[in-house]
Protein backbone atom coordinates (compact mmCIF):
# COMPACT_ATOMS: atom_id res chain seq x y z
CA MET A 1 95.04 105.67 109.84
CA SER A 2 93.07 108.55 111.50
CA GLY A 3 92.36 112.18 111.13
CA SER A 4 91.99 115.32 113.07
CA GLY A 5 91.05 119.10 112.41
CA SER A 6 88.37 121.06 114.30
CA GLY A 7 85.11 119.58 115.32
CA SER A 8 83.45 123.00 115.27
CA GLY A 9 82.69 125.36 112.42
CA SER A 10 80.47 124.65 109.41
CA GLY A 11 77.70 122.15 109.56
CA LYS A 12 79.51 120.15 106.87
CA THR A 13 82.60 119.75 109.05
CA ALA A 14 80.52 118.75 112.12
CA GLU A 15 78.82 116.02 110.13
CA ARG A 16 82.19 114.49 109.32
CA PHE A 17 82.66 113.59 113.08
CA ALA A 18 80.89 111.94 115.92
CA PHE A 19 81.43 112.55 119.54
CA THR A 20 81.41 110.19 122.35
CA ASP A 21 82.47 110.68 126.05
CA GLY A 22 84.20 113.87 124.98
CA ARG A 23 86.21 112.05 122.19
CA ARG A 24 85.99 112.82 118.47
CA TYR A 25 85.51 109.97 116.01
CA HIS A 26 85.15 109.43 112.18
CA ASN A 27 81.62 109.81 110.91
CA GLU A 28 82.01 108.67 107.25
CA PRO A 29 79.98 105.78 105.74
CA ASN A 30 82.98 104.18 104.05
CA CYS A 31 85.37 104.30 107.02
CA PRO A 32 85.29 101.52 109.55
CA TYR A 33 88.13 102.89 111.61
CA PRO A 34 86.97 102.82 115.16
CA LEU A 35 89.64 105.02 116.90
CA PRO A 36 89.28 108.73 117.63
CA ASN A 37 90.83 111.53 115.54
CA ASP A 38 91.54 114.14 118.20
CA LEU A 39 94.49 115.61 119.89
CA GLU A 40 94.65 112.86 122.50
CA GLU A 41 94.90 110.44 119.60
CA VAL A 42 97.72 112.36 118.17
CA ASP A 43 99.71 111.74 121.47
CA ARG A 44 98.85 108.00 121.40
CA LEU A 45 100.06 107.66 117.66
CA GLU A 46 103.26 109.36 118.35
CA ILE A 47 103.88 107.24 121.49
CA GLN A 48 103.22 104.21 119.18
CA HIS A 49 105.69 105.50 116.51
CA TYR A 50 108.47 105.77 118.87
CA ALA A 51 107.91 102.38 120.57
CA ILE A 52 107.97 100.78 117.19
CA GLN A 53 111.20 102.73 116.21
CA GLN A 54 112.86 101.36 119.42
CA ILE A 55 112.06 97.73 118.82
CA THR A 56 112.83 97.63 115.13
CA ARG A 57 115.81 99.90 115.19
CA LYS A 58 115.10 101.14 111.62
CA ARG A 59 112.98 103.70 110.00
CA TYR A 60 112.29 101.65 106.88
CA HIS A 61 112.93 97.98 105.95
CA ALA A 62 112.81 98.09 102.09
CA LEU A 63 116.01 98.28 100.12
CA LEU A 64 115.93 101.97 99.37
CA TYR A 65 118.80 103.53 97.35
CA ASN A 66 117.78 106.62 95.78
CA PRO A 67 113.90 106.93 95.80
CA LYS A 68 112.39 109.88 93.93
CA ARG A 69 108.80 109.60 95.21
CA ALA A 70 107.30 107.79 98.20
CA ILE A 71 103.97 107.50 99.65
CA ASP A 72 102.82 106.70 103.36
CA ILE A 73 99.08 105.54 103.28
CA GLY A 74 97.41 106.12 106.66
CA ALA A 75 100.03 108.80 107.55
CA GLY A 76 98.44 109.67 110.93
CA THR A 77 100.22 112.50 112.55
CA GLY A 78 102.77 112.45 109.72
CA ILE A 79 105.73 112.06 112.07
CA TRP A 80 107.30 109.13 110.27
CA LEU A 81 106.91 110.96 106.81
CA MET A 82 108.61 114.11 108.11
CA GLU A 83 111.50 112.12 109.50
CA MET A 84 111.85 110.29 106.29
CA ALA A 85 111.68 113.48 104.22
CA THR A 86 114.75 114.76 106.30
CA ASP A 87 116.51 111.53 105.72
CA PHE A 88 115.98 111.66 101.89
CA PRO A 89 115.92 115.42 100.87
CA GLU A 90 115.91 114.53 97.18
CA CYS A 91 112.77 112.33 97.43
CA GLU A 92 109.18 113.67 97.22
CA PHE A 93 107.15 112.32 100.12
CA THR A 94 103.34 112.22 100.05
CA GLY A 95 101.15 111.33 103.13
CA ILE A 96 97.69 110.15 102.64
CA ASP A 97 95.05 110.10 105.47
CA ILE A 98 91.20 110.30 105.67
CA ALA A 99 91.46 113.34 107.89
CA PRO A 100 94.17 115.96 108.66
CA LEU A 101 96.01 115.00 111.75
CA GLN A 102 99.29 116.49 110.24
CA PRO A 103 100.89 119.78 110.78
CA THR A 104 100.05 122.42 107.99
CA THR A 105 102.75 125.01 108.62
CA ILE A 106 106.13 123.75 109.40
CA LEU A 107 107.02 120.91 107.07
CA PRO A 108 110.09 119.75 105.06
CA GLN A 109 109.96 121.22 101.53
CA ASN A 110 109.80 117.70 100.06
CA CYS A 111 106.83 116.66 102.24
CA THR A 112 103.10 117.02 101.47
CA PHE A 113 99.87 115.65 102.84
CA GLU A 114 96.61 114.82 101.08
CA MET A 115 93.19 113.93 102.40
CA ALA A 116 91.83 110.75 100.60
CA ASN A 117 90.28 107.49 101.56
CA VAL A 118 92.32 104.66 100.08
CA LEU A 119 89.32 102.25 100.19
CA GLU A 120 88.02 104.52 97.31
CA GLY A 121 91.18 104.30 95.29
CA LEU A 122 93.90 106.89 94.85
CA SER A 123 94.20 109.29 92.00
CA HIS A 124 97.99 108.93 91.49
CA PRO A 125 99.03 107.32 88.23
CA ASP A 126 100.28 103.72 87.79
CA GLY A 127 103.88 103.27 88.99
CA TYR A 128 104.11 106.78 90.37
CA PHE A 129 106.01 105.93 93.64
CA ASP A 130 109.29 104.12 94.15
CA TYR A 131 108.27 103.33 97.78
CA VAL A 132 104.73 102.58 98.99
CA ARG A 133 104.30 102.10 102.75
CA HIS A 134 101.70 101.77 105.50
CA CYS A 135 101.89 101.21 109.24
CA LEU A 136 99.15 99.74 111.29
CA LEU A 137 96.05 99.69 109.14
CA VAL A 138 94.48 96.68 110.92
CA ALA A 139 91.57 98.85 112.06
CA ALA A 140 90.99 100.57 108.70
CA ILE A 141 90.85 97.93 106.00
CA PRO A 142 87.73 95.69 105.87
CA LYS A 143 88.06 92.04 105.44
CA ASP A 144 86.69 92.07 101.88
CA LYS A 145 89.03 94.99 100.87
CA TRP A 146 92.43 93.72 101.83
CA LEU A 147 93.26 92.16 98.36
CA SER A 148 92.12 95.15 96.36
CA TYR A 149 94.06 97.47 98.72
CA VAL A 150 97.22 95.48 98.44
CA LYS A 151 96.62 95.47 94.60
CA GLU A 152 96.19 99.27 94.72
CA CYS A 153 99.49 99.57 96.54
CA ALA A 154 101.22 97.46 93.84
CA ARG A 155 99.65 99.59 91.09
CA LEU A 156 101.09 102.76 92.62
CA CYS A 157 104.46 101.24 92.84
CA ALA A 158 107.00 101.74 90.12
CA SER A 159 108.76 98.86 88.48
CA GLY A 160 111.79 97.91 90.71
CA GLY A 161 110.19 99.89 93.67
CA TRP A 162 109.18 98.51 97.02
CA VAL A 163 105.92 98.17 98.93
CA GLU A 164 106.23 97.79 102.76
CA MET A 165 103.49 96.94 105.20
CA ILE A 166 103.89 97.18 108.91
CA ASP A 167 101.00 95.67 110.79
CA SER A 168 99.69 93.64 113.81
CA SER A 169 96.55 91.65 114.62
CA GLY A 170 96.50 93.28 118.06
CA ARG A 171 96.29 89.84 119.70
CA ILE A 172 97.82 89.85 123.17
CA HIS A 173 100.05 86.85 123.78
CA GLY A 174 100.73 85.69 127.39
CA GLY A 175 99.41 87.62 130.46
CA GLY A 176 96.47 86.54 132.49
CA PRO A 177 92.77 86.24 132.17
CA ALA A 178 92.32 89.97 131.93
CA CYS A 179 94.71 90.35 129.02
CA GLN A 180 92.97 87.31 127.20
CA LYS A 181 89.54 88.72 127.84
CA ILE A 182 90.40 92.22 126.62
CA SER A 183 92.38 90.64 123.49
CA ASN A 184 89.35 88.63 122.61
CA THR A 185 86.84 91.40 123.15
CA MET A 186 88.86 93.93 121.14
CA SER A 187 89.16 91.43 118.28
CA GLY A 188 85.42 90.92 118.48
CA VAL A 189 84.92 94.72 118.25
CA LEU A 190 86.98 94.94 115.06
CA LYS A 191 85.38 91.91 113.46
CA ALA A 192 81.86 93.35 114.27
CA ARG A 193 82.83 96.45 112.09
CA GLY A 194 83.86 94.13 109.17
CA LEU A 195 87.51 94.33 109.87
CA SER A 196 89.71 91.28 109.78
CA PRO A 197 92.79 91.36 112.25
CA GLU A 198 94.05 87.88 111.19
CA THR A 199 94.58 89.20 107.69
CA THR A 200 97.54 91.16 108.91
CA GLU A 201 99.34 88.00 109.69
CA THR A 202 99.36 86.87 105.98
CA LEU A 203 99.95 89.93 103.99
CA ASP A 204 102.82 88.36 102.30
CA VAL A 205 100.37 85.95 100.58
CA LEU A 206 98.31 88.89 99.35
CA MET A 207 101.54 90.68 98.13
CA ARG A 208 102.42 87.83 95.93
CA GLU A 209 98.85 87.48 94.62
CA ALA A 210 99.13 91.26 93.71
CA GLY A 211 102.25 90.41 91.67
CA LEU A 212 105.03 91.54 93.97
CA VAL A 213 108.30 89.40 94.20
CA ASP A 214 111.15 88.96 96.68
CA VAL A 215 108.57 89.18 99.52
CA GLU A 216 110.16 88.98 102.94
CA VAL A 217 108.54 88.91 106.46
CA LYS A 218 110.12 90.12 109.75
CA GLU A 219 108.65 89.74 113.26
CA PHE A 220 109.15 91.68 116.32
CA ARG A 221 107.78 91.25 119.82
CA MET A 222 106.13 94.24 121.20
CA ILE A 223 106.72 93.59 125.05
CA SER A 224 104.24 95.58 127.18
CA GLY A 225 105.41 96.81 130.61
CA GLY A 226 108.54 98.42 131.66
CA SER A 227 109.77 95.55 134.01
CA ARG A 228 110.40 93.29 130.91
CA GLY A 229 110.18 95.56 127.89
CA GLY A 230 112.28 98.57 129.12
CA SER A 231 111.65 101.95 127.66
CA ALA A 232 109.75 100.52 124.55
CA GLY A 233 107.71 98.33 126.85
CA LYS A 234 106.62 101.41 128.91
CA LEU A 235 105.60 103.16 125.70
CA PHE A 236 103.62 100.12 124.32
CA LEU A 237 101.86 99.92 127.85
CA LYS A 238 100.82 103.48 127.59
CA ASP A 239 99.80 103.04 123.99
CA PHE A 240 97.75 99.98 125.15
CA ARG A 241 96.06 102.05 127.92
CA MET A 242 95.26 104.84 125.73
CA GLY A 243 93.92 102.80 122.87
CA CYS A 244 91.65 100.81 125.23
CA ASN A 245 90.20 103.88 126.70
CA ALA A 246 89.51 105.19 123.34
CA LEU A 247 87.58 101.99 122.41
CA ALA A 248 85.83 101.80 125.75
CA PRO A 249 82.54 103.30 124.36
CA LEU A 250 82.36 100.46 121.75
CA LEU A 251 82.83 97.90 124.46
CA VAL A 252 80.02 99.46 126.33
CA ASN A 253 77.69 99.71 123.41
CA MET A 254 78.53 96.39 121.68
CA HIS A 255 79.01 94.17 124.59
CA GLY A 256 76.70 95.62 127.17
CA MET A 257 79.48 96.13 129.65
CA ALA A 258 79.27 98.83 132.26
CA ARG A 259 81.93 101.45 131.91
CA GLU A 260 83.16 100.83 135.35
CA ASP A 261 83.83 97.15 134.41
CA VAL A 262 85.65 98.17 131.31
CA ASP A 263 88.00 100.47 133.31
CA GLN A 264 88.59 97.69 135.85
CA LEU A 265 89.33 95.13 133.06
CA ILE A 266 91.92 97.67 131.51
CA LEU A 267 93.50 98.18 134.87
CA GLN A 268 93.79 94.42 135.50
CA ALA A 269 95.29 93.80 132.17
CA GLU A 270 97.83 96.50 132.72
CA GLN A 271 98.85 94.89 136.02
CA GLU A 272 99.23 91.51 134.19
CA MET A 273 101.39 93.04 131.67
CA GLU A 274 103.81 94.45 134.31
CA GLN A 275 103.88 91.12 136.05
CA CYS A 276 103.87 88.52 133.17
CA ASP A 277 105.59 87.90 129.84
CA THR A 278 102.99 89.82 127.70
CA TYR A 279 103.52 90.83 124.11
CA GLY A 280 102.06 91.45 120.76
CA ILE A 281 103.61 90.65 117.35
CA LEU A 282 104.48 93.25 114.88
CA ARG A 283 105.07 91.98 111.39
CA ILE A 284 106.84 93.84 108.55
CA PHE A 285 106.13 92.67 104.96
CA VAL A 286 108.24 93.94 102.18
CA GLY A 287 107.85 93.16 98.38
CA ARG A 288 109.41 94.44 95.22
CA LYS A 289 107.41 95.34 92.03
CA PRO A 290 109.03 93.37 89.00
């Protein structure tokens, strides 16, 4: 979940963003998302998209037959939505994000994007979509908002339709001391902003509480480093590097670390990822609206 657009222009536009170390970030009171929303972040999100596609081997995991309307919450660059719009030309696809990272000119005819903050609820009617989906909102949904968010997804979903949530806590498994330090530190950064990485490990519980049935969970290992992870591992390693660099100002401000020490820690973690068995866990939760 992130956004883009121009940081220049009207005063109102400028106030929507904050700038640190040459990067542009969200500057909205009801948005805890800590990552940037500039062109460099567009590159990271698309690298992440292709890496996930490589390890899951599927663009979607719900049992879709003939959906008429679908929504992607936190659509980011819109790349997944545009691919799906091509795969299902008879389905109307809507992408929701808090700021416009998506293209505005060349789009499939059945693909539209809307600016909205899902934490404030969405204006679409009950049961409007046959398929409700998000991918990696771990850094966007506060701890006390997860249940209401899942209930909002269930509200939007039509009877017989599907809700699909792809997420990860961001926890690094394996590696060495640098990997564990950066994993713990990043988790602390998210929690300090009111976020709850561990909630993404039990979204199936919240799905059932929201009234969804036939809930299933799949797990995939996101191996970082090309020596063990192949082409996907190289992409995940690049995604890790870019994400850590984007969050570096928070580590400096919140943990009192010198920027040089942060850069060295990231480099050491990368080296461990290439040398050790290091991975994250991607979980895919799917549930049906009765």
